Every structure is written in structure tokens, then in C-alpha cells.
């Protein structure tokens, strides 16, 4: 399950508020916020996809294991 649902909800909320706003400055700020939330969600989705692919090929992006000498 993706962790991005909340970010997508915030983006949708900003879009609704921008649509309802009569003030052009506030509308522009809300649209910038929407873009930010979508960028954050996209970054998380990319990270999740990379982690999933790493696990599927048997490697992880964690620290290297230390073996006793």
C-alpha cells in the first residue's frame, strides 16, 4: 500500500480551495501548495518503487552487513 494517499488528499484539498477562492493571490498560493504536495507524493512513490525493485532482485539499499573476521 502506498504512503502517498495523504499527500494526494492535501493536493486535492488545495485544488478545491483554489477553485473556490475569489482572491487571485490566495488562489495562486494554493495552486503552488498543490504542486508541492504532488511533488512530495511523487518522490515518495519513486522511493517506494525503488525499494520494491531492490527487494525483488534480492538487494536492499540499507547499510552493508558486517561479517566477523
Protein backbone atom coordinates (compact mmCIF):
# COMPACT_ATOMS: atom_id res chain seq x y z
CA UNK A 1 0.00 0.00 0.00
CA UNK A 2 1.30 3.42 -0.91
CA UNK A 3 2.01 6.01 1.74
CA UNK A 4 1.10 8.85 -0.62
CA UNK A 5 -2.66 8.91 -0.10
CA UNK A 6 -2.50 11.69 2.47
CA UNK A 7 -0.38 13.87 0.17
CA UNK A 8 -2.81 13.35 -2.69
CA UNK A 9 -5.70 14.31 -0.40
CA UNK A 10 -3.91 17.52 0.60
CA UNK A 11 -3.29 18.33 -3.08
CA UNK A 12 -6.97 17.79 -3.87
CA UNK A 13 -7.97 19.95 -0.91
CA UNK A 14 -5.73 22.78 -2.13
CA UNK A 15 -7.22 22.49 -5.63
CA UNK A 16 -10.77 22.71 -4.25
CA UNK A 17 -9.88 25.70 -2.07
CA UNK A 18 -8.18 27.43 -5.01
CA UNK A 19 -11.23 26.87 -7.18
CA UNK A 20 -13.48 28.41 -4.50
CA UNK A 21 -11.18 31.35 -3.76
CA UNK A 22 -12.06 34.76 -5.14
CA UNK A 23 -8.66 36.24 -4.24
CA UNK A 24 -6.16 35.68 -7.10
CA UNK A 25 -3.14 35.84 -4.78
CA UNK A 26 -4.59 33.23 -2.42
CA UNK A 27 -5.57 31.10 -5.42
CA UNK A 28 -2.01 31.21 -6.76
CA UNK A 29 -0.61 30.27 -3.33
CA UNK A 30 -3.00 27.33 -3.06
CA UNK A 31 -2.05 26.11 -6.52
CA UNK A 32 1.64 26.31 -5.55
CA UNK A 33 0.86 24.30 -2.42
CA UNK A 34 -0.99 21.73 -4.54
CA UNK A 35 2.04 21.38 -6.78
CA UNK A 36 4.28 20.89 -3.73
CA UNK A 37 2.05 18.16 -2.28
CA UNK A 38 2.03 16.36 -5.63
CA UNK A 39 5.83 16.61 -5.90
CA UNK A 40 6.20 15.15 -2.40
CA UNK A 41 3.85 12.31 -3.29
CA UNK A 42 5.79 11.65 -6.48
CA UNK A 43 9.07 11.50 -4.57
CA UNK A 44 7.64 9.01 -2.09
CA UNK A 45 6.20 6.88 -4.90
CA UNK A 46 9.59 6.84 -6.63
CA UNK A 47 11.30 5.81 -3.39
CA UNK A 48 8.73 3.06 -2.78
CA UNK A 49 9.16 1.77 -6.34
CA UNK A 50 12.96 1.71 -5.99
CA UNK A 51 12.73 -0.15 -2.67
CA UNK A 52 10.28 -2.66 -4.15
CA UNK A 53 12.57 -3.30 -7.12
CA UNK A 54 15.60 -3.66 -4.84
CA UNK A 55 13.82 -6.24 -2.70
CA UNK A 56 12.66 -8.17 -5.76
CA UNK A 57 16.21 -8.60 -7.04
CA UNK A 58 17.48 -9.62 -3.61
CA UNK A 59 19.28 -6.48 -2.58
CA UNK A 60 18.36 -3.63 -0.30
CA UNK A 61 19.64 -0.09 -0.03
CA UNK A 62 20.46 -0.40 3.65
CA UNK A 63 23.90 -0.45 5.25
CA UNK A 64 26.29 -3.21 4.32
CA UNK A 65 26.34 -6.22 6.61
CA UNK A 66 29.42 -6.63 8.74
CA UNK A 67 30.79 -10.11 8.95
CA UNK A 68 33.12 -11.23 11.73
CA UNK A 69 36.75 -11.73 10.70
